[in-house]
């Protein structure tokens, strides 16, 4: 059985959440600088996700490789 990692962050404008998440989690994943193994594991999961959907009227460009702006 595979491990399931689930995280959800929601704001009225997904741009704000997205700008907080990226580049923070990719940096943690790259350097393994989290305080705990769970934090580092979440960072790895965050960067390996196939698609991040951001709903925003104000975001003009994406920072992540797997980001879709709608």
PDB file of N, CA and C in Angstrom:
ATOM      1  N   UNK A   1       0.846  -1.170   0.000  1.00  0.00           N
ATOM      2  CA  UNK A   1       0.000   0.000   0.000  1.00  0.00           C
ATOM      3  C   UNK A   1       0.899   1.243   0.000  1.00  0.00           C
ATOM      4  N   UNK A   2       0.529   2.246  -0.804  1.00  0.00           N
ATOM      5  CA  UNK A   2       1.313   3.482  -0.908  1.00  0.00           C
ATOM      6  C   UNK A   2       0.934   4.458   0.194  1.00  0.00           C
ATOM      7  N   UNK A   3       1.902   5.285   0.573  1.00  0.00           N
ATOM      8  CA  UNK A   3       1.667   6.324   1.572  1.00  0.00           C
ATOM      9  C   UNK A   3       0.929   7.485   0.911  1.00  0.00           C
ATOM     10  N   UNK A   4      -0.049   8.034   1.593  1.00  0.00           N
ATOM     11  CA  UNK A   4      -0.808   9.176   1.102  1.00  0.00           C
ATOM     12  C   UNK A   4      -0.413  10.405   1.913  1.00  0.00           C
ATOM     13  N   UNK A   5       0.009  11.448   1.222  1.00  0.00           N
ATOM     14  CA  UNK A   5       0.311  12.721   1.861  1.00  0.00           C
ATOM     15  C   UNK A   5      -0.663  13.731   1.295  1.00  0.00           C
ATOM     16  N   UNK A   6      -1.393  14.404   2.172  1.00  0.00           N
ATOM     17  CA  UNK A   6      -2.434  15.324   1.740  1.00  0.00           C
ATOM     18  C   UNK A   6      -2.229  16.669   2.420  1.00  0.00           C
ATOM     19  N   UNK A   7      -2.285  17.726   1.668  1.00  0.00           N
ATOM     20  CA  UNK A   7      -2.214  19.059   2.228  1.00  0.00           C
ATOM     21  C   UNK A   7      -3.131  19.971   1.436  1.00  0.00           C
ATOM     22  N   UNK A   8      -3.829  20.845   2.127  1.00  0.00           N
ATOM     23  CA  UNK A   8      -4.700  21.786   1.436  1.00  0.00           C
ATOM     24  C   UNK A   8      -4.534  23.162   2.080  1.00  0.00           C
ATOM     25  N   UNK A   9      -4.375  24.135   1.256  1.00  0.00           N
ATOM     26  CA  UNK A   9      -4.289  25.517   1.703  1.00  0.00           C
ATOM     27  C   UNK A   9      -5.234  26.317   0.837  1.00  0.00           C
ATOM     28  N   UNK A  10      -6.065  27.128   1.463  1.00  0.00           N
ATOM     29  CA  UNK A  10      -7.087  27.844   0.719  1.00  0.00           C
ATOM     30  C   UNK A  10      -7.167  29.286   1.200  1.00  0.00           C
ATOM     31  N   UNK A  11      -7.160  30.197   0.250  1.00  0.00           N
ATOM     32  CA  UNK A  11      -7.405  31.608   0.536  1.00  0.00           C
ATOM     33  C   UNK A  11      -8.379  32.113  -0.516  1.00  0.00           C
ATOM     34  N   UNK A  12      -8.905  33.286  -0.309  1.00  0.00           N
ATOM     35  CA  UNK A  12      -9.826  33.868  -1.283  1.00  0.00           C
ATOM     36  C   UNK A  12      -9.129  34.021  -2.627  1.00  0.00           C
ATOM     37  N   UNK A  13      -7.894  34.482  -2.614  1.00  0.00           N
ATOM     38  CA  UNK A  13      -7.114  34.597  -3.836  1.00  0.00           C
ATOM     39  C   UNK A  13      -5.942  33.617  -3.712  1.00  0.00           C
ATOM     40  N   UNK A  14      -5.947  32.507  -4.503  1.00  0.00           N
ATOM     41  CA  UNK A  14      -4.908  31.477  -4.430  1.00  0.00           C
ATOM     42  C   UNK A  14      -3.535  31.988  -4.713  1.00  0.00           C
ATOM     43  N   UNK A  15      -3.390  33.196  -5.253  1.00  0.00           N
ATOM     44  CA  UNK A  15      -2.073  33.771  -5.530  1.00  0.00           C
ATOM     45  C   UNK A  15      -1.273  33.929  -4.252  1.00  0.00           C
ATOM     46  N   UNK A  16      -1.905  34.417  -3.203  1.00  0.00           N
ATOM     47  CA  UNK A  16      -1.198  34.650  -1.941  1.00  0.00           C
ATOM     48  C   UNK A  16      -0.656  33.345  -1.355  1.00  0.00           C
ATOM     49  N   UNK A  17      -1.461  32.330  -1.344  1.00  0.00           N
ATOM     50  CA  UNK A  17      -1.015  31.034  -0.837  1.00  0.00           C
ATOM     51  C   UNK A  17       0.103  30.485  -1.703  1.00  0.00           C
ATOM     52  N   UNK A  18      -0.064  30.574  -3.005  1.00  0.00           N
ATOM     53  CA  UNK A  18       0.947  30.080  -3.937  1.00  0.00           C
ATOM     54  C   UNK A  18       2.277  30.784  -3.735  1.00  0.00           C
ATOM     55  N   UNK A  19       2.242  32.102  -3.569  1.00  0.00           N
ATOM     56  CA  UNK A  19       3.481  32.860  -3.389  1.00  0.00           C
ATOM     57  C   UNK A  19       4.172  32.524  -2.069  1.00  0.00           C
ATOM     58  N   UNK A  20       3.421  32.038  -1.087  1.00  0.00           N
ATOM     59  CA  UNK A  20       4.023  31.592   0.166  1.00  0.00           C
ATOM     60  C   UNK A  20       4.612  30.184   0.037  1.00  0.00           C
ATOM     61  N   UNK A  21       3.941  29.332  -0.708  1.00  0.00           N
ATOM     62  CA  UNK A  21       4.356  27.935  -0.831  1.00  0.00           C
ATOM     63  C   UNK A  21       5.559  27.766  -1.750  1.00  0.00           C
ATOM     64  N   UNK A  22       5.565  28.517  -2.832  1.00  0.00           N
ATOM     65  CA  UNK A  22       6.664  28.432  -3.808  1.00  0.00           C
ATOM     66  C   UNK A  22       7.377  29.770  -3.746  1.00  0.00           C
ATOM     67  N   UNK A  23       8.593  29.830  -3.389  1.00  0.00           N
ATOM     68  CA  UNK A  23       9.646  28.830  -3.440  1.00  0.00           C
ATOM     69  C   UNK A  23       9.983  28.154  -2.111  1.00  0.00           C
ATOM     70  N   UNK A  24       9.229  28.400  -1.032  1.00  0.00           N
ATOM     71  CA  UNK A  24       9.600  27.854   0.273  1.00  0.00           C
ATOM     72  C   UNK A  24       9.767  26.336   0.252  1.00  0.00           C
ATOM     73  N   UNK A  25       8.741  25.597  -0.159  1.00  0.00           N
ATOM     74  CA  UNK A  25       8.807  24.135  -0.096  1.00  0.00           C
ATOM     75  C   UNK A  25       9.844  23.541  -1.044  1.00  0.00           C
ATOM     76  N   UNK A  26      10.007  24.042  -2.255  1.00  0.00           N
ATOM     77  CA  UNK A  26      11.086  23.511  -3.091  1.00  0.00           C
ATOM     78  C   UNK A  26      12.475  23.722  -2.480  1.00  0.00           C
ATOM     79  N   UNK A  27      12.687  24.840  -1.801  1.00  0.00           N
ATOM     80  CA  UNK A  27      13.977  25.068  -1.141  1.00  0.00           C
ATOM     81  C   UNK A  27      14.198  24.091   0.001  1.00  0.00           C
ATOM     82  N   UNK A  28      13.162  23.834   0.781  1.00  0.00           N
ATOM     83  CA  UNK A  28      13.266  22.858   1.866  1.00  0.00           C
ATOM     84  C   UNK A  28      13.570  21.477   1.291  1.00  0.00           C
ATOM     85  N   UNK A  29      12.887  21.117   0.210  1.00  0.00           N
ATOM     86  CA  UNK A  29      13.104  19.808  -0.401  1.00  0.00           C
ATOM     87  C   UNK A  29      14.517  19.672  -0.947  1.00  0.00           C
ATOM     88  N   UNK A  30      15.017  20.721  -1.568  1.00  0.00           N
ATOM     89  CA  UNK A  30      16.342  20.680  -2.179  1.00  0.00           C
ATOM     90  C   UNK A  30      17.434  20.554  -1.126  1.00  0.00           C
ATOM     91  N   UNK A  31      17.334  21.333  -0.064  1.00  0.00           N
ATOM     92  CA  UNK A  31      18.392  21.385   0.947  1.00  0.00           C
ATOM     93  C   UNK A  31      18.102  20.538   2.188  1.00  0.00           C
ATOM     94  N   UNK A  32      16.883  19.946   2.262  1.00  0.00           N
ATOM     95  CA  UNK A  32      16.475  19.147   3.428  1.00  0.00           C
ATOM     96  C   UNK A  32      16.691  19.928   4.723  1.00  0.00           C
ATOM     97  N   UNK A  33      16.165  21.170   4.756  1.00  0.00           N
ATOM     98  CA  UNK A  33      16.394  22.055   5.896  1.00  0.00           C
ATOM     99  C   UNK A  33      15.202  22.118   6.858  1.00  0.00           C
ATOM    100  N   UNK A  34      14.267  21.197   6.714  1.00  0.00           N
ATOM    101  CA  UNK A  34      13.123  21.185   7.623  1.00  0.00           C
ATOM    102  C   UNK A  34      13.532  20.794   9.025  1.00  0.00           C
ATOM    103  N   UNK A  35      12.723  21.192  10.003  1.00  0.00           N
ATOM    104  CA  UNK A  35      13.015  20.895  11.402  1.00  0.00           C
ATOM    105  C   UNK A  35      12.871  19.420  11.739  1.00  0.00           C
ATOM    106  N   UNK A  36      12.019  18.728  10.981  1.00  0.00           N
ATOM    107  CA  UNK A  36      11.761  17.314  11.256  1.00  0.00           C
ATOM    108  C   UNK A  36      11.736  16.530   9.953  1.00  0.00           C
ATOM    109  N   UNK A  37      11.771  15.215  10.091  1.00  0.00           N
ATOM    110  CA  UNK A  37      11.680  14.356   8.920  1.00  0.00           C
ATOM    111  C   UNK A  37      10.332  14.554   8.222  1.00  0.00           C
ATOM    112  N   UNK A  38       9.276  14.759   9.001  1.00  0.00           N
ATOM    113  CA  UNK A  38       7.943  14.961   8.416  1.00  0.00           C
ATOM    114  C   UNK A  38       7.909  16.217   7.546  1.00  0.00           C
ATOM    115  N   UNK A  39       8.574  17.274   7.979  1.00  0.00           N
ATOM    116  CA  UNK A  39       8.617  18.514   7.199  1.00  0.00           C
ATOM    117  C   UNK A  39       9.379  18.272   5.896  1.00  0.00           C
ATOM    118  N   UNK A  40      10.500  17.608   5.981  1.00  0.00           N
ATOM    119  CA  UNK A  40      11.272  17.301   4.775  1.00  0.00           C
ATOM    120  C   UNK A  40      10.499  16.380   3.838  1.00  0.00           C
ATOM    121  N   UNK A  41       9.781  15.404   4.405  1.00  0.00           N
ATOM    122  CA  UNK A  41       8.963  14.507   3.580  1.00  0.00           C
ATOM    123  C   UNK A  41       7.849  15.268   2.867  1.00  0.00           C
ATOM    124  N   UNK A  42       7.197  16.207   3.585  1.00  0.00           N
ATOM    125  CA  UNK A  42       6.145  16.999   2.952  1.00  0.00           C
ATOM    126  C   UNK A  42       6.720  17.852   1.827  1.00  0.00           C
ATOM    127  N   UNK A  43       7.899  18.425   2.057  1.00  0.00           N
ATOM    128  CA  UNK A  43       8.549  19.241   1.025  1.00  0.00           C
ATOM    129  C   UNK A  43       8.829  18.408  -0.219  1.00  0.00           C
ATOM    130  N   UNK A  44       9.300  17.189  -0.028  1.00  0.00           N
ATOM    131  CA  UNK A  44       9.544  16.292  -1.166  1.00  0.00           C
ATOM    132  C   UNK A  44       8.239  15.986  -1.898  1.00  0.00           C
ATOM    133  N   UNK A  45       7.189  15.719  -1.136  1.00  0.00           N
ATOM    134  CA  UNK A  45       5.887  15.432  -1.746  1.00  0.00           C
ATOM    135  C   UNK A  45       5.356  16.650  -2.496  1.00  0.00           C
ATOM    136  N   UNK A  46       5.517  17.824  -1.916  1.00  0.00           N
ATOM    137  CA  UNK A  46       5.045  19.057  -2.548  1.00  0.00           C
ATOM    138  C   UNK A  46       5.727  19.281  -3.893  1.00  0.00           C
ATOM    139  N   UNK A  47       7.025  19.045  -3.949  1.00  0.00           N
ATOM    140  CA  UNK A  47       7.755  19.299  -5.188  1.00  0.00           C
ATOM    141  C   UNK A  47       7.552  18.202  -6.225  1.00  0.00           C
ATOM    142  N   UNK A  48       7.103  17.042  -5.794  1.00  0.00           N
ATOM    143  CA  UNK A  48       6.923  15.955  -6.754  1.00  0.00           C
ATOM    144  C   UNK A  48       5.492  15.836  -7.276  1.00  0.00           C
ATOM    145  N   UNK A  49       4.584  16.670  -6.755  1.00  0.00           N
ATOM    146  CA  UNK A  49       3.191  16.617  -7.198  1.00  0.00           C
ATOM    147  C   UNK A  49       3.119  16.964  -8.689  1.00  0.00           C
ATOM    148  N   UNK A  50       2.248  16.282  -9.399  1.00  0.00           N
ATOM    149  CA  UNK A  50       2.173  16.454 -10.844  1.00  0.00           C
ATOM    150  C   UNK A  50       1.504  17.748 -11.272  1.00  0.00           C
ATOM    151  N   UNK A  51       0.584  18.271 -10.472  1.00  0.00           N
ATOM    152  CA  UNK A  51      -0.143  19.454 -10.913  1.00  0.00           C
ATOM    153  C   UNK A  51      -0.606  20.269  -9.717  1.00  0.00           C
ATOM    154  N   UNK A  52      -0.232  21.527  -9.697  1.00  0.00           N
ATOM    155  CA  UNK A  52      -0.725  22.476  -8.711  1.00  0.00           C
ATOM    156  C   UNK A  52      -1.622  23.445  -9.462  1.00  0.00           C
ATOM    157  N   UNK A  53      -2.861  23.564  -9.030  1.00  0.00           N
ATOM    158  CA  UNK A  53      -3.813  24.458  -9.684  1.00  0.00           C
ATOM    159  C   UNK A  53      -3.979  25.697  -8.820  1.00  0.00           C
ATOM    160  N   UNK A  54      -3.775  26.858  -9.428  1.00  0.00           N
ATOM    161  CA  UNK A  54      -3.928  28.131  -8.736  1.00  0.00           C
ATOM    162  C   UNK A  54      -5.059  28.897  -9.403  1.00  0.00           C
ATOM    163  N   UNK A  55      -6.070  29.260  -8.620  1.00  0.00           N
ATOM    164  CA  UNK A  55      -7.183  30.055  -9.131  1.00  0.00           C
ATOM    165  C   UNK A  55      -6.904  31.505  -8.754  1.00  0.00           C
ATOM    166  N   UNK A  56      -6.609  32.331  -9.741  1.00  0.00           N
ATOM    167  CA  UNK A  56      -6.253  33.713  -9.439  1.00  0.00           C
ATOM    168  C   UNK A  56      -6.509  34.610 -10.641  1.00  0.00           C
ATOM    169  N   UNK A  57      -7.014  35.798 -10.359  1.00  0.00           N
ATOM    170  CA  UNK A  57      -7.157  36.829 -11.387  1.00  0.00           C
ATOM    171  C   UNK A  57      -5.930  37.737 -11.426  1.00  0.00           C
ATOM    172  N   UNK A  58      -5.095  37.654 -10.388  1.00  0.00           N
ATOM    173  CA  UNK A  58      -3.984  38.590 -10.262  1.00  0.00           C
ATOM    174  C   UNK A  58      -2.613  37.982 -10.510  1.00  0.00           C
ATOM    175  N   UNK A  59      -2.521  36.666 -10.592  1.00  0.00           N
ATOM    176  CA  UNK A  59      -1.230  36.017 -10.828  1.00  0.00           C
ATOM    177  C   UNK A  59      -0.974  35.950 -12.323  1.00  0.00           C
ATOM    178  N   UNK A  60       0.147  36.501 -12.748  1.00  0.00           N
ATOM    179  CA  UNK A  60       0.450  36.565 -14.173  1.00  0.00           C
ATOM    180  C   UNK A  60       1.419  35.487 -14.642  1.00  0.00           C
ATOM    181  N   UNK A  61       2.224  34.959 -13.735  1.00  0.00           N
ATOM    182  CA  UNK A  61       3.191  33.934 -14.123  1.00  0.00           C
ATOM    183  C   UNK A  61       3.324  32.926 -12.994  1.00  0.00           C
ATOM    184  N   UNK A  62       3.744  31.728 -13.350  1.00  0.00           N
ATOM    185  CA  UNK A  62       3.919  30.705 -12.325  1.00  0.00           C
ATOM    186  C   UNK A  62       5.392  30.477 -12.049  1.00  0.00           C
ATOM    187  N   UNK A  63       5.702  30.088 -10.822  1.00  0.00           N
ATOM    188  CA  UNK A  63       7.071  29.841 -10.397  1.00  0.00           C
ATOM    189  C   UNK A  63       7.414  28.359 -10.472  1.00  0.00           C
ATOM    190  N   UNK A  64       6.434  27.512 -10.261  1.00  0.00           N
ATOM    191  CA  UNK A  64       6.679  26.082 -10.220  1.00  0.00           C
ATOM    192  C   UNK A  64       6.588  25.428 -11.580  1.00  0.00           C
ATOM    193  N   UNK A  65       7.239  24.284 -11.695  1.00  0.00           N
ATOM    194  CA  UNK A  65       7.238  23.572 -12.975  1.00  0.00           C
ATOM    195  C   UNK A  65       5.865  22.980 -13.302  1.00  0.00           C
ATOM    196  N   UNK A  66       5.154  22.563 -12.273  1.00  0.00           N
ATOM    197  CA  UNK A  66       3.907  21.842 -12.484  1.00  0.00           C
ATOM    198  C   UNK A  66       2.685  22.684 -12.093  1.00  0.00           C
ATOM    199  N   UNK A  67       2.721  23.958 -12.374  1.00  0.00           N
ATOM    200  CA  UNK A  67       1.662  24.866 -11.952  1.00  0.00           C
ATOM    201  C   UNK A  67       0.767  25.250 -13.116  1.00  0.00           C
ATOM    202  N   UNK A  68      -0.525  25.208 -12.863  1.00  0.00           N
ATOM    203  CA  UNK A  68      -1.513  25.626 -13.838  1.00  0.00           C
ATOM    204  C   UNK A  68      -2.319  26.767 -13.237  1.00  0.00           C
ATOM    205  N   UNK A  69      -2.374  27.894 -13.889  1.00  0.00           N
ATOM    206  CA  UNK A  69      -3.140  29.045 -13.402  1.00  0.00           C
ATOM    207  C   UNK A  69      -4.467  29.075 -14.150  1.00  0.00           C
ATOM    208  N   UNK A  70      -5.557  29.112 -13.357  1.00  0.00           N
ATOM    209  CA  UNK A  70      -6.887  29.205 -13.994  1.00  0.00           C
ATOM    210  C   UNK A  70      -7.621  30.396 -13.430  1.00  0.00           C
TER     211      UNK A  70
END
